């Protein structure tokens, strides 16, 4: 952020975001610029079941752009907006891919909620970034909601098997059938991304696992003595 803002911001500039993290807020101020938070109003209503309370308020964003014009140099959309989003990650539901990888590398047990038949859409970060860059410059996507994912369903049980194969180990499985599995099926409809952004996911789940293991020491097995 220090390097980015030192090249992009000068005194009097404005940076808008769904919500700035504390360090981001401080780095904007250090350049003499003004950070403005524009969280979705739903974030203030604890009884509102709306699931995306970390969104940016598009109405206020549009008003801010009209009012300040060229002074707005950056618009930051924090994907994991836990600062004010009201959706903290439960410690009982860790991110399943790194959790399975850590368990496999340490020789631990894979714990599956339910029978592992629930499906999820796993997409590699590079594909998401490419889609976001394309969306930032595409001419016909203003205010459109575009799903980005792999477009493929993978059961949690199959994910566990792919992880074991990628790490090259075997493991014990525990199926906690009394645990809530959440949504039974989840798969992104990416047809609009293909149409409007030319989006096509390039990294398969298996290839993504292989890359994670290769570049992240946390997921690498210790060499045998």
Protein backbone atom coordinates (compact mmCIF):
# COMPACT_ATOMS: atom_id res chain seq x y z
CA UNK A 1 0.00 0.00 0.00
CA UNK A 2 2.81 2.43 0.82
CA UNK A 3 4.35 1.93 -2.63
CA UNK A 4 1.00 2.01 -4.43
CA UNK A 5 -0.37 5.09 -2.69
CA UNK A 6 2.92 6.99 -2.98
CA UNK A 7 2.59 6.70 -6.75
CA UNK A 8 -1.16 7.27 -7.06
CA UNK A 9 -2.18 9.72 -4.34
CA UNK A 10 -1.38 13.34 -3.57
CA UNK A 11 -2.74 15.81 -1.00
CA UNK A 12 -6.42 16.53 -1.51
CA UNK A 13 -7.23 13.27 -3.26
CA UNK A 14 -10.09 11.03 -2.13
CA UNK A 15 -10.18 7.24 -1.78
CA UNK A 16 -13.55 5.50 -1.39
CA UNK A 17 -14.13 1.95 -0.20
CA UNK A 18 -16.78 -0.33 1.21
CA UNK A 19 -14.68 -0.01 4.37
CA UNK A 20 -10.98 0.73 4.75
CA UNK A 21 -8.93 -1.54 6.96
CA UNK A 22 -7.15 0.41 9.70
CA UNK A 23 -3.76 0.18 8.00
CA UNK A 24 -5.22 1.18 4.63
CA UNK A 25 -6.97 4.14 6.27
CA UNK A 26 -3.67 5.25 7.83
CA UNK A 27 -1.74 4.87 4.58
CA UNK A 28 -4.27 7.03 2.71
CA UNK A 29 -4.04 9.72 5.39
CA UNK A 30 -0.25 9.63 5.26
CA UNK A 31 -0.43 10.88 1.65
CA UNK A 32 -2.64 13.81 2.64
CA UNK A 33 -5.63 12.15 1.00
CA UNK A 34 -9.06 11.49 2.50
CA UNK A 35 -10.47 7.96 2.98
CA UNK A 36 -14.27 7.72 2.76
CA UNK A 37 -16.14 4.59 3.86
CA UNK A 38 -19.34 3.76 1.99
CA UNK A 39 -20.64 0.53 3.54
CA UNK A 40 -23.99 -0.96 2.61
CA UNK A 41 -26.66 0.35 5.02
CA UNK A 42 -27.64 -3.24 5.85
CA UNK A 43 -24.42 -3.61 7.86
CA UNK A 44 -25.93 -1.47 10.63
CA UNK A 45 -29.03 -3.66 11.01
CA UNK A 46 -28.07 -6.74 13.00
CA UNK A 47 -31.49 -8.30 12.40
CA UNK A 48 -31.31 -7.95 8.62
CA UNK A 49 -30.67 -11.42 7.10
CA UNK A 50 -29.08 -9.92 3.97
CA UNK A 51 -25.96 -12.08 3.39
CA UNK A 52 -23.71 -9.48 1.73
CA UNK A 53 -23.45 -6.74 4.32
CA UNK A 54 -19.88 -6.00 3.30
CA UNK A 55 -20.97 -4.52 -0.04
CA UNK A 56 -20.29 -0.93 -1.04
CA UNK A 57 -23.30 1.41 -1.12
CA UNK A 58 -23.64 2.06 -4.87
CA UNK A 59 -26.02 4.98 -4.41
CA UNK A 60 -23.63 6.86 -2.10
CA UNK A 61 -20.70 5.90 -4.33
CA UNK A 62 -22.41 7.48 -7.32
CA UNK A 63 -23.21 10.60 -5.30
CA UNK A 64 -19.60 10.85 -4.11
CA UNK A 65 -18.26 10.55 -7.66
CA UNK A 66 -20.63 13.27 -8.87
CA UNK A 67 -19.74 15.57 -5.99
CA UNK A 68 -15.97 15.18 -6.02
CA UNK A 69 -15.27 14.12 -9.60
CA UNK A 70 -11.59 13.76 -10.46
CA UNK A 71 -10.54 14.10 -6.82
CA UNK A 72 -11.64 10.47 -6.34
CA UNK A 73 -8.48 8.67 -7.38
CA UNK A 74 -9.22 5.17 -6.09
CA UNK A 75 -12.22 3.00 -5.34
CA UNK A 76 -11.28 0.03 -3.17
CA UNK A 77 -13.60 -2.94 -2.89
CA UNK A 78 -12.40 -5.18 -0.07
CA UNK A 79 -13.66 -8.68 -0.81
CA UNK A 80 -13.21 -9.95 2.75
CA UNK A 81 -14.84 -6.97 4.37
CA UNK A 82 -15.03 -8.22 7.95
CA UNK A 83 -14.28 -4.77 9.40
CA UNK A 84 -17.92 -3.74 9.21
CA UNK A 85 -19.56 -6.51 7.22
CA UNK A 86 -20.94 -8.34 10.23
CA UNK A 87 -19.96 -11.70 8.77
CA UNK A 88 -16.91 -12.96 10.67
CA UNK A 89 -15.60 -16.38 9.73
CA UNK A 90 -16.59 -18.93 12.35
CA UNK A 91 -13.69 -20.91 13.78
CA UNK A 92 -15.90 -23.97 13.37
CA UNK A 93 -15.91 -23.49 9.60
CA UNK A 94 -12.33 -22.78 8.47
CA UNK A 95 -11.59 -22.34 4.77
CA UNK A 96 -11.82 -25.91 3.65
CA UNK A 97 -9.01 -26.05 1.08
CA UNK A 98 -6.12 -24.82 3.29
CA UNK A 99 -7.62 -26.70 6.25
CA UNK A 100 -7.59 -30.02 4.36
CA UNK A 101 -4.08 -29.32 3.06
CA UNK A 102 -2.73 -28.64 6.54
CA UNK A 103 -4.35 -31.78 7.88
CA UNK A 104 -2.96 -33.90 5.05
CA UNK A 105 0.57 -32.52 5.39
CA UNK A 106 0.58 -33.10 9.17
CA UNK A 107 -0.81 -36.63 8.84
CA UNK A 108 -4.04 -35.59 10.49
CA UNK A 109 -7.61 -36.76 10.08
CA UNK A 110 -10.00 -35.24 7.55
CA UNK A 111 -13.22 -34.31 9.31
CA UNK A 112 -16.21 -34.05 6.99
CA UNK A 113 -19.52 -32.48 7.96
CA UNK A 114 -22.38 -34.75 6.90
CA UNK A 115 -21.50 -37.35 4.31
CA UNK A 116 -19.41 -34.94 2.28
CA UNK A 117 -21.96 -34.87 -0.53
CA UNK A 118 -22.46 -31.11 -0.33
CA UNK A 119 -20.91 -29.36 -3.32
CA UNK A 120 -18.96 -26.15 -3.66
CA UNK A 121 -17.47 -24.15 -6.54
CA UNK A 122 -13.70 -23.80 -6.08
CA UNK A 123 -11.93 -21.20 -8.21
CA UNK A 124 -8.25 -20.24 -8.31
CA UNK A 125 -7.33 -16.71 -7.24
CA UNK A 126 -5.57 -15.82 -10.49
CA UNK A 127 -8.78 -16.48 -12.42
CA UNK A 128 -10.73 -14.20 -10.07
CA UNK A 129 -8.17 -11.40 -10.43
CA UNK A 130 -8.26 -11.63 -14.23
CA UNK A 131 -12.06 -11.38 -14.13
CA UNK A 132 -11.95 -8.33 -11.86
CA UNK A 133 -9.44 -6.57 -14.12
CA UNK A 134 -11.62 -7.36 -17.14
CA UNK A 135 -14.70 -6.03 -15.33
CA UNK A 136 -12.90 -2.77 -14.53
CA UNK A 137 -12.45 -2.00 -18.24
CA UNK A 138 -15.43 -3.74 -19.87
CA UNK A 139 -17.82 -1.22 -21.50
CA UNK A 140 -21.16 -2.98 -20.96
CA UNK A 141 -21.16 -4.18 -17.35
CA UNK A 142 -22.17 -1.06 -15.41
CA UNK A 143 -24.16 -2.11 -12.32
CA UNK A 144 -24.39 -5.69 -13.56
CA UNK A 145 -24.03 -8.60 -11.15
CA UNK A 146 -21.58 -11.10 -12.64
CA UNK A 147 -20.78 -14.41 -10.96
CA UNK A 148 -17.17 -15.53 -11.06
CA UNK A 149 -16.21 -19.11 -10.24
CA UNK A 150 -15.11 -22.30 -11.90
CA UNK A 151 -18.60 -23.16 -13.08
CA UNK A 152 -18.10 -26.68 -11.75
CA UNK A 153 -19.47 -28.45 -8.68
CA UNK A 154 -17.11 -30.46 -6.49
CA UNK A 155 -18.28 -32.38 -3.46
CA UNK A 156 -16.40 -31.82 -0.21
CA UNK A 157 -15.60 -35.52 -0.14
CA UNK A 158 -14.07 -35.36 -3.62
CA UNK A 159 -12.09 -32.29 -2.56
CA UNK A 160 -10.64 -34.25 0.34
CA UNK A 161 -9.59 -37.03 -2.03
CA UNK A 162 -7.98 -34.56 -4.45
CA UNK A 163 -6.03 -33.03 -1.55
CA UNK A 164 -4.71 -36.41 -0.42
CA UNK A 165 -3.67 -37.26 -3.98
CA UNK A 166 -1.95 -33.88 -4.41
CA UNK A 167 -0.02 -34.23 -1.14
CA UNK A 168 0.69 -37.91 -1.81
CA UNK A 169 -0.62 -39.33 1.45
CA UNK A 170 -3.46 -41.34 2.89
CA UNK A 171 -5.53 -40.27 5.87
CA UNK A 172 -8.34 -41.34 8.14
CA UNK A 173 -11.77 -39.82 7.53
CA UNK A 174 -14.37 -38.88 10.11
CA UNK A 175 -17.89 -38.10 8.93
CA UNK A 176 -19.85 -36.00 11.42
CA UNK A 177 -23.33 -36.61 10.11
CA UNK A 178 -24.92 -34.62 12.93
CA UNK A 179 -23.19 -31.42 11.78
CA UNK A 180 -24.86 -28.82 9.59
CA UNK A 181 -23.45 -29.02 6.07
CA UNK A 182 -24.74 -25.62 5.01
CA UNK A 183 -26.05 -25.15 1.49
CA UNK A 184 -26.31 -28.57 -0.17
CA UNK A 185 -25.29 -27.47 -3.65
CA UNK A 186 -23.31 -24.46 -4.81
CA UNK A 187 -22.07 -23.72 -8.31
CA UNK A 188 -21.51 -20.35 -9.96
CA UNK A 189 -23.39 -19.59 -13.17
CA UNK A 190 -20.58 -17.95 -15.12
CA UNK A 191 -22.31 -17.51 -18.48
CA UNK A 192 -22.53 -13.71 -18.06
CA UNK A 193 -18.83 -13.54 -17.24
CA UNK A 194 -18.05 -15.46 -20.41
CA UNK A 195 -20.33 -13.20 -22.45
CA UNK A 196 -19.39 -9.79 -21.02
CA UNK A 197 -15.80 -10.30 -19.89
CA UNK A 198 -14.53 -13.12 -22.07
CA UNK A 199 -13.98 -14.92 -18.79
CA UNK A 200 -12.76 -18.50 -18.91
CA UNK A 201 -11.26 -20.12 -15.80
CA UNK A 202 -7.85 -21.53 -16.68
CA UNK A 203 -6.71 -23.25 -13.50
CA UNK A 204 -8.42 -26.51 -12.56
CA UNK A 205 -8.94 -27.51 -8.94
CA UNK A 206 -6.26 -30.19 -9.15
CA UNK A 207 -3.77 -27.83 -10.78
CA UNK A 208 -4.55 -25.15 -8.21
CA UNK A 209 -3.85 -27.56 -5.37
CA UNK A 210 -0.53 -28.49 -6.96
CA UNK A 211 0.46 -24.82 -7.22
CA UNK A 212 -0.51 -24.13 -3.59
CA UNK A 213 1.64 -27.01 -2.42
CA UNK A 214 4.57 -25.93 -4.60
CA UNK A 215 4.67 -22.27 -3.55
CA UNK A 216 3.43 -22.29 0.05
CA UNK A 217 5.75 -23.84 2.67
CA UNK A 218 2.79 -24.39 5.02
CA UNK A 219 1.50 -27.11 2.71
CA UNK A 220 4.80 -28.90 2.04
CA UNK A 221 5.76 -32.13 3.75
CA UNK A 222 8.99 -32.23 5.68
CA UNK A 223 11.70 -34.21 3.98
CA UNK A 224 12.35 -37.61 5.49
CA UNK A 225 15.71 -37.86 7.32
